[in-house]
Amino acid sequence: MQLGNFSISLAVKDLETSRAFYEKFGFKTFGGDAAQNWLILKNGDHVIGLFQGMFEKNSLTFNPGWDSNATKLETFTDVREIQRQLKAQGVQLIAEADETTTGPASFVAIDPDGNPILVDQHV
């Protein structure tokens, strides 16, 4: 199972304050839209998403089909296949990808400690 790019999605109170803070650690804006209250920051292969008013909790995010530069991978495990494998192992999902579709889709699981895990395919 190839999960693709990994990032942490942080539920922030103030987007600009958080951006400025993480820039002190060497992160630079890589994507997103501050007018829509979200930014993606990157330092080397490390990726942080800052989301103001979008999520209740911080979450782990995996992007099947992308590398750390959001470049499409030649081969990858489709989000629906990852979902099938996890469900077969008894992992409970709180949101599911429609398995009758292709292309972009996502699902969400919650780990034993209550942390959301978003598997979000953009290709």
PDB file of N, CA and C in Angstrom:
ATOM      1  N   MET A   1       0.846  -1.169   0.000  1.00  0.00           N
ATOM      2  CA  MET A   1       0.000   0.000   0.000  1.00  0.00           C
ATOM      3  C   MET A   1       0.896   1.237   0.000  1.00  0.00           C
ATOM      4  N   GLN A   2       0.743   2.062  -1.020  1.00  0.00           N
ATOM      5  CA  GLN A   2       1.506   3.303  -1.117  1.00  0.00           C
ATOM      6  C   GLN A   2       0.586   4.461  -0.755  1.00  0.00           C
ATOM      7  N   LEU A   3       0.897   5.151   0.329  1.00  0.00           N
ATOM      8  CA  LEU A   3       0.034   6.225   0.808  1.00  0.00           C
ATOM      9  C   LEU A   3       0.328   7.574   0.167  1.00  0.00           C
ATOM     10  N   GLY A   4       1.451   7.691  -0.536  1.00  0.00           N
ATOM     11  CA  GLY A   4       1.794   8.961  -1.175  1.00  0.00           C
ATOM     12  C   GLY A   4       2.391   9.948  -0.204  1.00  0.00           C
ATOM     13  N   ASN A   5       2.285  11.212  -0.554  1.00  0.00           N
ATOM     14  CA  ASN A   5       2.852  12.284   0.249  1.00  0.00           C
ATOM     15  C   ASN A   5       2.203  12.328   1.632  1.00  0.00           C
ATOM     16  N   PHE A   6       2.998  12.661   2.644  1.00  0.00           N
ATOM     17  CA  PHE A   6       2.500  12.812   4.009  1.00  0.00           C
ATOM     18  C   PHE A   6       2.641  14.260   4.445  1.00  0.00           C
ATOM     19  N   SER A   7       1.630  14.757   5.139  1.00  0.00           N
ATOM     20  CA  SER A   7       1.727  16.071   5.772  1.00  0.00           C
ATOM     21  C   SER A   7       0.873  16.064   7.031  1.00  0.00           C
ATOM     22  N   ILE A   8       1.101  17.053   7.839  1.00  0.00           N
ATOM     23  CA  ILE A   8       0.257  17.260   9.013  1.00  0.00           C
ATOM     24  C   ILE A   8      -0.605  18.474   8.706  1.00  0.00           C
ATOM     25  N   SER A   9      -1.887  18.352   8.941  1.00  0.00           N
ATOM     26  CA  SER A   9      -2.819  19.461   8.735  1.00  0.00           C
ATOM     27  C   SER A   9      -3.145  20.038  10.100  1.00  0.00           C
ATOM     28  N   LEU A  10      -2.781  21.285  10.304  1.00  0.00           N
ATOM     29  CA  LEU A  10      -2.948  21.915  11.607  1.00  0.00           C
ATOM     30  C   LEU A  10      -4.166  22.838  11.611  1.00  0.00           C
ATOM     31  N   ALA A  11      -5.012  22.670  12.597  1.00  0.00           N
ATOM     32  CA  ALA A  11      -6.149  23.561  12.818  1.00  0.00           C
ATOM     33  C   ALA A  11      -5.615  24.769  13.586  1.00  0.00           C
ATOM     34  N   VAL A  12      -5.464  25.897  12.899  1.00  0.00           N
ATOM     35  CA  VAL A  12      -4.844  27.073  13.524  1.00  0.00           C
ATOM     36  C   VAL A  12      -5.894  28.132  13.849  1.00  0.00           C
ATOM     37  N   LYS A  13      -5.577  28.941  14.852  1.00  0.00           N
ATOM     38  CA  LYS A  13      -6.482  30.018  15.266  1.00  0.00           C
ATOM     39  C   LYS A  13      -6.303  31.258  14.415  1.00  0.00           C
ATOM     40  N   ASP A  14      -5.061  31.523  14.000  1.00  0.00           N
ATOM     41  CA  ASP A  14      -4.766  32.709  13.197  1.00  0.00           C
ATOM     42  C   ASP A  14      -3.752  32.324  12.125  1.00  0.00           C
ATOM     43  N   LEU A  15      -4.189  32.307  10.891  1.00  0.00           N
ATOM     44  CA  LEU A  15      -3.360  31.827   9.778  1.00  0.00           C
ATOM     45  C   LEU A  15      -2.052  32.604   9.666  1.00  0.00           C
ATOM     46  N   GLU A  16      -2.123  33.925   9.716  1.00  0.00           N
ATOM     47  CA  GLU A  16      -0.933  34.752   9.539  1.00  0.00           C
ATOM     48  C   GLU A  16       0.066  34.554  10.683  1.00  0.00           C
ATOM     49  N   THR A  17      -0.432  34.467  11.906  1.00  0.00           N
ATOM     50  CA  THR A  17       0.445  34.247  13.055  1.00  0.00           C
ATOM     51  C   THR A  17       1.142  32.898  12.934  1.00  0.00           C
ATOM     52  N   SER A  18       0.405  31.876  12.539  1.00  0.00           N
ATOM     53  CA  SER A  18       0.986  30.536  12.386  1.00  0.00           C
ATOM     54  C   SER A  18       1.987  30.492  11.236  1.00  0.00           C
ATOM     55  N   ARG A  19       1.655  31.139  10.104  1.00  0.00           N
ATOM     56  CA  ARG A  19       2.585  31.173   8.976  1.00  0.00           C
ATOM     57  C   ARG A  19       3.901  31.805   9.415  1.00  0.00           C
ATOM     58  N   ALA A  20       3.821  32.945  10.074  1.00  0.00           N
ATOM     59  CA  ALA A  20       5.031  33.643  10.518  1.00  0.00           C
ATOM     60  C   ALA A  20       5.830  32.776  11.493  1.00  0.00           C
ATOM     61  N   PHE A  21       5.142  32.071  12.385  1.00  0.00           N
ATOM     62  CA  PHE A  21       5.831  31.198  13.337  1.00  0.00           C
ATOM     63  C   PHE A  21       6.593  30.094  12.613  1.00  0.00           C
ATOM     64  N   TYR A  22       5.945  29.380  11.702  1.00  0.00           N
ATOM     65  CA  TYR A  22       6.596  28.258  11.028  1.00  0.00           C
ATOM     66  C   TYR A  22       7.670  28.716  10.045  1.00  0.00           C
ATOM     67  N   GLU A  23       7.598  29.946   9.567  1.00  0.00           N
ATOM     68  CA  GLU A  23       8.683  30.482   8.735  1.00  0.00           C
ATOM     69  C   GLU A  23       9.973  30.583   9.541  1.00  0.00           C
ATOM     70  N   LYS A  24       9.880  30.801  10.842  1.00  0.00           N
ATOM     71  CA  LYS A  24      11.064  30.851  11.697  1.00  0.00           C
ATOM     72  C   LYS A  24      11.775  29.502  11.738  1.00  0.00           C
ATOM     73  N   PHE A  25      11.045  28.412  11.442  1.00  0.00           N
ATOM     74  CA  PHE A  25      11.621  27.071  11.383  1.00  0.00           C
ATOM     75  C   PHE A  25      12.093  26.735   9.968  1.00  0.00           C
ATOM     76  N   GLY A  26      12.042  27.698   9.063  1.00  0.00           N
ATOM     77  CA  GLY A  26      12.522  27.494   7.708  1.00  0.00           C
ATOM     78  C   GLY A  26      11.461  27.067   6.705  1.00  0.00           C
ATOM     79  N   PHE A  27      10.194  27.035   7.109  1.00  0.00           N
ATOM     80  CA  PHE A  27       9.129  26.682   6.172  1.00  0.00           C
ATOM     81  C   PHE A  27       8.819  27.863   5.270  1.00  0.00           C
ATOM     82  N   LYS A  28       8.499  27.568   4.019  1.00  0.00           N
ATOM     83  CA  LYS A  28       8.111  28.575   3.031  1.00  0.00           C
ATOM     84  C   LYS A  28       6.749  28.195   2.463  1.00  0.00           C
ATOM     85  N   THR A  29       5.968  29.192   2.104  1.00  0.00           N
ATOM     86  CA  THR A  29       4.665  28.931   1.502  1.00  0.00           C
ATOM     87  C   THR A  29       4.861  28.204   0.176  1.00  0.00           C
ATOM     88  N   PHE A  30       4.151  27.108   0.016  1.00  0.00           N
ATOM     89  CA  PHE A  30       4.257  26.230  -1.150  1.00  0.00           C
ATOM     90  C   PHE A  30       2.964  26.245  -1.965  1.00  0.00           C
ATOM     91  N   GLY A  31       1.866  26.497  -1.301  1.00  0.00           N
ATOM     92  CA  GLY A  31       0.574  26.500  -1.983  1.00  0.00           C
ATOM     93  C   GLY A  31      -0.503  26.982  -1.045  1.00  0.00           C
ATOM     94  N   GLY A  32      -1.727  26.882  -1.521  1.00  0.00           N
ATOM     95  CA  GLY A  32      -2.862  27.284  -0.720  1.00  0.00           C
ATOM     96  C   GLY A  32      -3.385  28.641  -1.112  1.00  0.00           C
ATOM     97  N   ASP A  33      -4.282  29.172  -0.299  1.00  0.00           N
ATOM     98  CA  ASP A  33      -4.918  30.451  -0.575  1.00  0.00           C
ATOM     99  C   ASP A  33      -5.262  31.117   0.752  1.00  0.00           C
ATOM    100  N   ALA A  34      -4.457  32.096   1.140  1.00  0.00           N
ATOM    101  CA  ALA A  34      -4.672  32.773   2.416  1.00  0.00           C
ATOM    102  C   ALA A  34      -6.055  33.427   2.477  1.00  0.00           C
ATOM    103  N   ALA A  35      -6.591  33.879   1.340  1.00  0.00           N
ATOM    104  CA  ALA A  35      -7.920  34.487   1.313  1.00  0.00           C
ATOM    105  C   ALA A  35      -9.005  33.466   1.668  1.00  0.00           C
ATOM    106  N   GLN A  36      -8.707  32.183   1.470  1.00  0.00           N
ATOM    107  CA  GLN A  36      -9.635  31.113   1.833  1.00  0.00           C
ATOM    108  C   GLN A  36      -9.236  30.459   3.160  1.00  0.00           C
ATOM    109  N   ASN A  37      -8.284  31.057   3.869  1.00  0.00           N
ATOM    110  CA  ASN A  37      -7.842  30.624   5.200  1.00  0.00           C
ATOM    111  C   ASN A  37      -7.091  29.302   5.218  1.00  0.00           C
ATOM    112  N   TRP A  38      -6.308  29.008   4.176  1.00  0.00           N
ATOM    113  CA  TRP A  38      -5.468  27.817   4.228  1.00  0.00           C
ATOM    114  C   TRP A  38      -4.194  28.055   3.421  1.00  0.00           C
ATOM    115  N   LEU A  39      -3.094  27.506   3.947  1.00  0.00           N
ATOM    116  CA  LEU A  39      -1.788  27.571   3.288  1.00  0.00           C
ATOM    117  C   LEU A  39      -1.077  26.239   3.459  1.00  0.00           C
ATOM    118  N   ILE A  40      -0.250  25.901   2.486  1.00  0.00           N
ATOM    119  CA  ILE A  40       0.627  24.741   2.574  1.00  0.00           C
ATOM    120  C   ILE A  40       2.050  25.274   2.657  1.00  0.00           C
ATOM    121  N   LEU A  41       2.785  24.849   3.680  1.00  0.00           N
ATOM    122  CA  LEU A  41       4.162  25.266   3.888  1.00  0.00           C
ATOM    123  C   LEU A  41       5.082  24.065   3.720  1.00  0.00           C
ATOM    124  N   LYS A  42       6.291  24.345   3.255  1.00  0.00           N
ATOM    125  CA  LYS A  42       7.222  23.261   3.004  1.00  0.00           C
ATOM    126  C   LYS A  42       8.628  23.648   3.450  1.00  0.00           C
ATOM    127  N   ASN A  43       9.341  22.674   4.001  1.00  0.00           N
ATOM    128  CA  ASN A  43      10.752  22.801   4.352  1.00  0.00           C
ATOM    129  C   ASN A  43      11.383  21.492   3.922  1.00  0.00           C
ATOM    130  N   GLY A  44      12.119  21.488   2.812  1.00  0.00           N
ATOM    131  CA  GLY A  44      12.632  20.239   2.252  1.00  0.00           C
ATOM    132  C   GLY A  44      11.461  19.362   1.858  1.00  0.00           C
ATOM    133  N   ASP A  45      11.450  18.120   2.338  1.00  0.00           N
ATOM    134  CA  ASP A  45      10.345  17.208   2.053  1.00  0.00           C
ATOM    135  C   ASP A  45       9.245  17.273   3.109  1.00  0.00           C
ATOM    136  N   HIS A  46       9.390  18.146   4.101  1.00  0.00           N
ATOM    137  CA  HIS A  46       8.418  18.255   5.190  1.00  0.00           C
ATOM    138  C   HIS A  46       7.318  19.240   4.799  1.00  0.00           C
ATOM    139  N   VAL A  47       6.078  18.803   4.953  1.00  0.00           N
ATOM    140  CA  VAL A  47       4.936  19.609   4.536  1.00  0.00           C
ATOM    141  C   VAL A  47       3.978  19.789   5.710  1.00  0.00           C
ATOM    142  N   ILE A  48       3.543  21.045   5.908  1.00  0.00           N
ATOM    143  CA  ILE A  48       2.559  21.388   6.932  1.00  0.00           C
ATOM    144  C   ILE A  48       1.431  22.154   6.243  1.00  0.00           C
ATOM    145  N   GLY A  49       0.208  21.750   6.518  1.00  0.00           N
ATOM    146  CA  GLY A  49      -0.944  22.518   6.066  1.00  0.00           C
ATOM    147  C   GLY A  49      -1.492  23.312   7.225  1.00  0.00           C
ATOM    148  N   LEU A  50      -1.756  24.594   7.007  1.00  0.00           N
ATOM    149  CA  LEU A  50      -2.355  25.456   8.027  1.00  0.00           C
ATOM    150  C   LEU A  50      -3.782  25.760   7.588  1.00  0.00           C
ATOM    151  N   PHE A  51      -4.753  25.445   8.440  1.00  0.00           N
ATOM    152  CA  PHE A  51      -6.161  25.593   8.089  1.00  0.00           C
ATOM    153  C   PHE A  51      -6.881  26.323   9.217  1.00  0.00           C
ATOM    154  N   GLN A  52      -7.308  27.550   8.938  1.00  0.00           N
ATOM    155  CA  GLN A  52      -8.016  28.353   9.938  1.00  0.00           C
ATOM    156  C   GLN A  52      -9.519  28.175   9.743  1.00  0.00           C
ATOM    157  N   GLY A  53     -10.189  27.672  10.794  1.00  0.00           N
ATOM    158  CA  GLY A  53     -11.637  27.541  10.764  1.00  0.00           C
ATOM    159  C   GLY A  53     -12.177  26.410   9.916  1.00  0.00           C
ATOM    160  N   MET A  54     -11.337  25.464   9.509  1.00  0.00           N
ATOM    161  CA  MET A  54     -11.787  24.371   8.647  1.00  0.00           C
ATOM    162  C   MET A  54     -11.883  23.042   9.369  1.00  0.00           C
ATOM    163  N   PHE A  55     -11.029  22.823  10.358  1.00  0.00           N
ATOM    164  CA  PHE A  55     -10.984  21.561  11.078  1.00  0.00           C
ATOM    165  C   PHE A  55     -11.070  21.821  12.568  1.00  0.00           C
ATOM    166  N   GLU A  56     -11.633  20.873  13.297  1.00  0.00           N
ATOM    167  CA  GLU A  56     -11.648  20.953  14.759  1.00  0.00           C
ATOM    168  C   GLU A  56     -10.309  20.556  15.351  1.00  0.00           C
ATOM    169  N   LYS A  57      -9.692  19.540  14.757  1.00  0.00           N
ATOM    170  CA  LYS A  57      -8.463  18.961  15.306  1.00  0.00           C
ATOM    171  C   LYS A  57      -7.379  18.912  14.237  1.00  0.00           C
ATOM    172  N   ASN A  58      -6.147  18.806  14.702  1.00  0.00           N
ATOM    173  CA  ASN A  58      -5.045  18.531  13.793  1.00  0.00           C
ATOM    174  C   ASN A  58      -5.246  17.143  13.213  1.00  0.00           C
ATOM    175  N   SER A  59      -4.774  16.913  11.989  1.00  0.00           N
ATOM    176  CA  SER A  59      -4.940  15.585  11.404  1.00  0.00           C
ATOM    177  C   SER A  59      -3.738  15.214  10.557  1.00  0.00           C
ATOM    178  N   LEU A  60      -3.554  13.909  10.417  1.00  0.00           N
ATOM    179  CA  LEU A  60      -2.545  13.372   9.513  1.00  0.00           C
ATOM    180  C   LEU A  60      -3.161  13.326   8.123  1.00  0.00           C
ATOM    181  N   THR A  61      -2.392  13.669   7.112  1.00  0.00           N
ATOM    182  CA  THR A  61      -2.916  13.652   5.748  1.00  0.00           C
ATOM    183  C   THR A  61      -1.954  12.887   4.845  1.00  0.00           C
ATOM    184  N   PHE A  62      -2.515  12.002   4.040  1.00  0.00           N
ATOM    185  CA  PHE A  62      -1.766  11.280   3.017  1.00  0.00           C
ATOM    186  C   PHE A  62      -2.394  11.586   1.668  1.00  0.00           C
ATOM    187  N   ASN A  63      -1.555  11.784   0.665  1.00  0.00           N
ATOM    188  CA  ASN A  63      -2.029  12.085  -0.689  1.00  0.00           C
ATOM    189  C   ASN A  63      -1.540  11.037  -1.676  1.00  0.00           C
ATOM    190  N   PRO A  64      -2.322   9.964  -1.876  1.00  0.00           N
ATOM    191  CA  PRO A  64      -1.938   8.970  -2.881  1.00  0.00           C
ATOM    192  C   PRO A  64      -1.792   9.641  -4.248  1.00  0.00           C
ATOM    193  N   GLY A  65      -0.763   9.241  -4.975  1.00  0.00           N
ATOM    194  CA  GLY A  65      -0.549   9.783  -6.312  1.00  0.00           C
ATOM    195  C   GLY A  65       0.329  11.006  -6.375  1.00  0.00           C
ATOM    196  N   TRP A  66       0.725  11.550  -5.223  1.00  0.00           N
ATOM    197  CA  TRP A  66       1.592  12.731  -5.188  1.00  0.00           C
ATOM    198  C   TRP A  66       2.884  12.429  -4.466  1.00  0.00           C
ATOM    199  N   ASP A  67       3.965  13.078  -4.916  1.00  0.00           N
ATOM    200  CA  ASP A  67       5.195  13.086  -4.137  1.00  0.00           C
ATOM    201  C   ASP A  67       5.180  14.357  -3.283  1.00  0.00           C
ATOM    202  N   SER A  68       6.277  14.662  -2.599  1.00  0.00           N
ATOM    203  CA  SER A  68       6.298  15.797  -1.679  1.00  0.00           C
ATOM    204  C   SER A  68       6.259  17.157  -2.383  1.00  0.00           C
ATOM    205  N   ASN A  69       6.378  17.153  -3.707  1.00  0.00           N
ATOM    206  CA  ASN A  69       6.269  18.397  -4.471  1.00  0.00           C
ATOM    207  C   ASN A  69       4.912  18.525  -5.150  1.00  0.00           C
ATOM    208  N   ALA A  70       3.951  17.677  -4.768  1.00  0.00           N
ATOM    209  CA  ALA A  70       2.611  17.644  -5.364  1.00  0.00           C
ATOM    210  C   ALA A  70       2.689  17.328  -6.861  1.00  0.00           C
ATOM    211  N   THR A  71       3.689  16.529  -7.215  1.00  0.00           N
ATOM    212  CA  THR A  71       3.844  16.064  -8.582  1.00  0.00           C
ATOM    213  C   THR A  71       3.242  14.671  -8.678  1.00  0.00           C
ATOM    214  N   LYS A  72       2.481  14.452  -9.739  1.00  0.00           N
ATOM    215  CA  LYS A  72       1.823  13.157  -9.910  1.00  0.00           C
ATOM    216  C   LYS A  72       2.855  12.042 -10.074  1.00  0.00           C
ATOM    217  N   LEU A  73       2.641  10.958  -9.329  1.00  0.00           N
ATOM    218  CA  LEU A  73       3.503   9.787  -9.433  1.00  0.00           C
ATOM    219  C   LEU A  73       3.068   8.925 -10.613  1.00  0.00           C
ATOM    220  N   GLU A  74       4.025   8.268 -11.253  1.00  0.00           N
ATOM    221  CA  GLU A  74       3.706   7.375 -12.384  1.00  0.00           C
ATOM    222  C   GLU A  74       2.799   6.234 -11.939  1.00  0.00           C
ATOM    223  N   THR A  75       3.146   5.611 -10.819  1.00  0.00           N
ATOM    224  CA  THR A  75       2.323   4.523 -10.283  1.00  0.00           C
ATOM    225  C   THR A  75       2.040   4.798  -8.811  1.00  0.00           C
ATOM    226  N   PHE A  76       0.850   4.413  -8.390  1.00  0.00           N
ATOM    227  CA  PHE A  76       0.465   4.611  -6.989  1.00  0.00           C
ATOM    228  C   PHE A  76      -0.752   3.742  -6.696  1.00  0.00           C
ATOM    229  N   THR A  77      -0.985   3.540  -5.407  1.00  0.00           N
ATOM    230  CA  THR A  77      -2.160   2.803  -4.965  1.00  0.00           C
ATOM    231  C   THR A  77      -3.333   3.772  -4.893  1.00  0.00           C
ATOM    232  N   ASP A  78      -4.402   3.486  -5.640  1.00  0.00           N
ATOM    233  CA  ASP A  78      -5.570   4.350  -5.666  1.00  0.00           C
ATOM    234  C   ASP A  78      -6.223   4.408  -4.285  1.00  0.00           C
ATOM    235  N   VAL A  79      -6.789   5.565  -3.952  1.00  0.00           N
ATOM    236  CA  VAL A  79      -7.424   5.782  -2.653  1.00  0.00           C
ATOM    237  C   VAL A  79      -8.505   4.737  -2.362  1.00  0.00           C
ATOM    238  N   ARG A  80      -9.237   4.305  -3.397  1.00  0.00           N
ATOM    239  CA  ARG A  80     -10.291   3.323  -3.184  1.00  0.00           C
ATOM    240  C   ARG A  80      -9.723   1.951  -2.829  1.00  0.00           C
ATOM    241  N   GLU A  81      -8.559   1.619  -3.381  1.00  0.00           N
ATOM    242  CA  GLU A  81      -7.898   0.354  -3.043  1.00  0.00           C
ATOM    243  C   GLU A  81      -7.372   0.401  -1.615  1.00  0.00           C
ATOM    244  N   ILE A  82      -6.792   1.527  -1.221  1.00  0.00           N
ATOM    245  CA  ILE A  82      -6.324   1.679   0.159  1.00  0.00           C
ATOM    246  C   ILE A  82      -7.513   1.522   1.105  1.00  0.00           C
ATOM    247  N   GLN A  83      -8.619   2.152   0.767  1.00  0.00           N
ATOM    248  CA  GLN A  83      -9.837   2.056   1.583  1.00  0.00           C
ATOM    249  C   GLN A  83     -10.299   0.606   1.711  1.00  0.00           C
ATOM    250  N   ARG A  84     -10.326  -0.122   0.606  1.00  0.00           N
ATOM    251  CA  ARG A  84     -10.748  -1.531   0.645  1.00  0.00           C
ATOM    252  C   ARG A  84      -9.837  -2.354   1.556  1.00  0.00           C
ATOM    253  N   GLN A  85      -8.518  -2.124   1.434  1.00  0.00           N
ATOM    254  CA  GLN A  85      -7.563  -2.880   2.247  1.00  0.00           C
ATOM    255  C   GLN A  85      -7.749  -2.581   3.736  1.00  0.00           C
ATOM    256  N   LEU A  86      -7.933  -1.329   4.072  1.00  0.00           N
ATOM    257  CA  LEU A  86      -8.107  -0.961   5.482  1.00  0.00           C
ATOM    258  C   LEU A  86      -9.416  -1.504   6.042  1.00  0.00           C
ATOM    259  N   LYS A  87     -10.499  -1.405   5.279  1.00  0.00           N
ATOM    260  CA  LYS A  87     -11.786  -1.935   5.736  1.00  0.00           C
ATOM    261  C   LYS A  87     -11.710  -3.447   5.925  1.00  0.00           C
ATOM    262  N   ALA A  88     -10.974  -4.131   5.057  1.00  0.00           N
ATOM    263  CA  ALA A  88     -10.814  -5.586   5.172  1.00  0.00           C
ATOM    264  C   ALA A  88     -10.071  -5.955   6.455  1.00  0.00           C
ATOM    265  N   GLN A  89      -9.272  -5.018   6.971  1.00  0.00           N
ATOM    266  CA  GLN A  89      -8.541  -5.249   8.217  1.00  0.00           C
ATOM    267  C   GLN A  89      -9.312  -4.742   9.434  1.00  0.00           C
ATOM    268  N   GLY A  90     -10.545  -4.301   9.220  1.00  0.00           N
ATOM    269  CA  GLY A  90     -11.383  -3.871  10.322  1.00  0.00           C
ATOM    270  C   GLY A  90     -11.259  -2.415  10.723  1.00  0.00           C
ATOM    271  N   VAL A  91     -10.573  -1.606   9.930  1.00  0.00           N
ATOM    272  CA  VAL A  91     -10.450  -0.183  10.251  1.00  0.00           C
ATOM    273  C   VAL A  91     -11.794   0.498   9.977  1.00  0.00           C
ATOM    274  N   GLN A  92     -12.295   1.202  10.967  1.00  0.00           N
ATOM    275  CA  GLN A  92     -13.555   1.934  10.836  1.00  0.00           C
ATOM    276  C   GLN A  92     -13.300   3.283  10.161  1.00  0.00           C
ATOM    277  N   LEU A  93     -14.143   3.629   9.211  1.00  0.00           N
ATOM    278  CA  LEU A  93     -14.026   4.907   8.508  1.00  0.00           C
ATOM    279  C   LEU A  93     -15.217   5.787   8.869  1.00  0.00           C
ATOM    280  N   ILE A  94     -14.961   7.089   9.022  1.00  0.00           N
ATOM    281  CA  ILE A  94     -16.067   8.001   9.320  1.00  0.00           C
ATOM    282  C   ILE A  94     -16.555   8.714   8.060  1.00  0.00           C
ATOM    283  N   ALA A  95     -15.783   8.646   6.998  1.00  0.00           N
ATOM    284  CA  ALA A  95     -16.181   9.139   5.678  1.00  0.00           C
ATOM    285  C   ALA A  95     -15.491   8.233   4.674  1.00  0.00           C
ATOM    286  N   GLU A  96     -16.189   7.918   3.593  1.00  0.00           N
ATOM    287  CA  GLU A  96     -15.641   6.975   2.614  1.00  0.00           C
ATOM    288  C   GLU A  96     -15.632   7.559   1.213  1.00  0.00           C
ATOM    289  N   ALA A  97     -14.663   7.088   0.421  1.00  0.00           N
ATOM    290  CA  ALA A  97     -14.614   7.406  -1.001  1.00  0.00           C
ATOM    291  C   ALA A  97     -15.650   6.544  -1.719  1.00  0.00           C
ATOM    292  N   ASP A  98     -16.274   7.097  -2.733  1.00  0.00           N
ATOM    293  CA  ASP A  98     -17.233   6.345  -3.548  1.00  0.00           C
ATOM    294  C   ASP A  98     -16.437   5.386  -4.430  1.00  0.00           C
ATOM    295  N   GLU A  99     -16.590   4.100  -4.184  1.00  0.00           N
ATOM    296  CA  GLU A  99     -15.801   3.102  -4.906  1.00  0.00           C
ATOM    297  C   GLU A  99     -16.253   2.887  -6.342  1.00  0.00           C
ATOM    298  N   THR A 100     -17.329   3.548  -6.764  1.00  0.00           N
ATOM    299  CA  THR A 100     -17.776   3.437  -8.161  1.00  0.00           C
ATOM    300  C   THR A 100     -17.151   4.503  -9.039  1.00  0.00           C
ATOM    301  N   THR A 101     -16.328   5.397  -8.432  1.00  0.00           N
ATOM    302  CA  THR A 101     -15.734   6.500  -9.180  1.00  0.00           C
ATOM    303  C   THR A 101     -14.254   6.238  -9.443  1.00  0.00           C
ATOM    304  N   THR A 102     -13.639   7.123 -10.207  1.00  0.00           N
ATOM    305  CA  THR A 102     -12.194   7.128 -10.423  1.00  0.00           C
ATOM    306  C   THR A 102     -11.704   8.552 -10.201  1.00  0.00           C
ATOM    307  N   GLY A 103     -10.399   8.709 -10.101  1.00  0.00           N
ATOM    308  CA  GLY A 103      -9.830  10.046  -9.936  1.00  0.00           C
ATOM    309  C   GLY A 103      -9.869  10.519  -8.499  1.00  0.00           C
ATOM    310  N   PRO A 104      -9.944  11.840  -8.310  1.00  0.00           N
ATOM    311  CA  PRO A 104      -9.898  12.408  -6.964  1.00  0.00           C
ATOM    312  C   PRO A 104     -10.996  11.860  -6.051  1.00  0.00           C
ATOM    313  N   ALA A 105     -10.621  11.552  -4.825  1.00  0.00           N
ATOM    314  CA  ALA A 105     -11.539  11.060  -3.799  1.00  0.00           C
ATOM    315  C   ALA A 105     -10.790  11.026  -2.476  1.00  0.00           C
ATOM    316  N   SER A 106     -11.549  10.851  -1.393  1.00  0.00           N
ATOM    317  CA  SER A 106     -10.909  10.809  -0.075  1.00  0.00           C
ATOM    318  C   SER A 106     -11.737   9.982   0.890  1.00  0.00           C
ATOM    319  N   PHE A 107     -11.072   9.595   1.987  1.00  0.00           N
ATOM    320  CA  PHE A 107     -11.768   8.975   3.115  1.00  0.00           C
ATOM    321  C   PHE A 107     -11.079   9.409   4.391  1.00  0.00           C
ATOM    322  N   VAL A 108     -11.781   9.207   5.519  1.00  0.00           N
ATOM    323  CA  VAL A 108     -11.249   9.611   6.813  1.00  0.00           C
ATOM    324  C   VAL A 108     -11.411   8.462   7.801  1.00  0.00           C
ATOM    325  N   ALA A 109     -10.338   8.180   8.521  1.00  0.00           N
ATOM    326  CA  ALA A 109     -10.347   7.231   9.632  1.00  0.00           C
ATOM    327  C   ALA A 109      -9.956   7.998  10.891  1.00  0.00           C
ATOM    328  N   ILE A 110     -10.237   7.408  12.039  1.00  0.00           N
ATOM    329  CA  ILE A 110      -9.831   7.996  13.315  1.00  0.00           C
ATOM    330  C   ILE A 110      -8.957   6.967  14.022  1.00  0.00           C
ATOM    331  N   ASP A 111      -7.761   7.383  14.452  1.00  0.00           N
ATOM    332  CA  ASP A 111      -6.883   6.430  15.123  1.00  0.00           C
ATOM    333  C   ASP A 111      -7.374   6.170  16.550  1.00  0.00           C
ATOM    334  N   PRO A 112      -6.769   5.204  17.256  1.00  0.00           N
ATOM    335  CA  PRO A 112      -7.252   4.857  18.604  1.00  0.00           C
ATOM    336  C   PRO A 112      -7.242   6.004  19.606  1.00  0.00           C
ATOM    337  N   ASP A 113      -6.474   7.061  19.332  1.00  0.00           N
ATOM    338  CA  ASP A 113      -6.412   8.198  20.242  1.00  0.00           C
ATOM    339  C   ASP A 113      -7.279   9.367  19.797  1.00  0.00           C
ATOM    340  N   GLY A 114      -8.092   9.143  18.751  1.00  0.00           N
ATOM    341  CA  GLY A 114      -9.006  10.176  18.292  1.00  0.00           C
ATOM    342  C   GLY A 114      -8.459  11.119  17.241  1.00  0.00           C
ATOM    343  N   ASN A 115      -7.267  10.820  16.724  1.00  0.00           N
ATOM    344  CA  ASN A 115      -6.673  11.680  15.700  1.00  0.00           C
ATOM    345  C   ASN A 115      -7.224  11.332  14.322  1.00  0.00           C
ATOM    346  N   PRO A 116      -7.733  12.324  13.593  1.00  0.00           N
ATOM    347  CA  PRO A 116      -8.225  12.048  12.242  1.00  0.00           C
ATOM    348  C   PRO A 116      -7.070  11.757  11.283  1.00  0.00           C
ATOM    349  N   ILE A 117      -7.328  10.841  10.375  1.00  0.00           N
ATOM    350  CA  ILE A 117      -6.390  10.509   9.299  1.00  0.00           C
ATOM    351  C   ILE A 117      -7.146  10.688   7.993  1.00  0.00           C
ATOM    352  N   LEU A 118      -6.733  11.666   7.202  1.00  0.00           N
ATOM    353  CA  LEU A 118      -7.348  11.963   5.918  1.00  0.00           C
ATOM    354  C   LEU A 118      -6.485  11.368   4.815  1.00  0.00           C
ATOM    355  N   VAL A 119      -7.070  10.518   3.980  1.00  0.00           N
ATOM    356  CA  VAL A 119      -6.384  10.001   2.798  1.00  0.00           C
ATOM    357  C   VAL A 119      -7.092  10.683   1.626  1.00  0.00           C
ATOM    358  N   ASP A 120      -6.386  11.613   0.996  1.00  0.00           N
ATOM    359  CA  ASP A 120      -6.981  12.563   0.064  1.00  0.00           C
ATOM    360  C   ASP A 120      -6.237  12.535  -1.270  1.00  0.00           C
ATOM    361  N   GLN A 121      -6.836  11.886  -2.254  1.00  0.00           N
ATOM    362  CA  GLN A 121      -6.212  11.741  -3.572  1.00  0.00           C
ATOM    363  C   GLN A 121      -6.704  12.868  -4.478  1.00  0.00           C
ATOM    364  N   HIS A 122      -5.762  13.591  -5.097  1.00  0.00           N
ATOM    365  CA  HIS A 122      -6.096  14.732  -5.963  1.00  0.00           C
ATOM    366  C   HIS A 122      -5.970  14.403  -7.443  1.00  0.00           C
ATOM    367  N   VAL A 123      -5.486  13.218  -7.772  1.00  0.00           N
ATOM    368  CA  VAL A 123      -5.287  12.861  -9.196  1.00  0.00           C
ATOM    369  C   VAL A 123      -6.159  11.680  -9.580  1.00  0.00           C
TER     370      VAL A 123
END
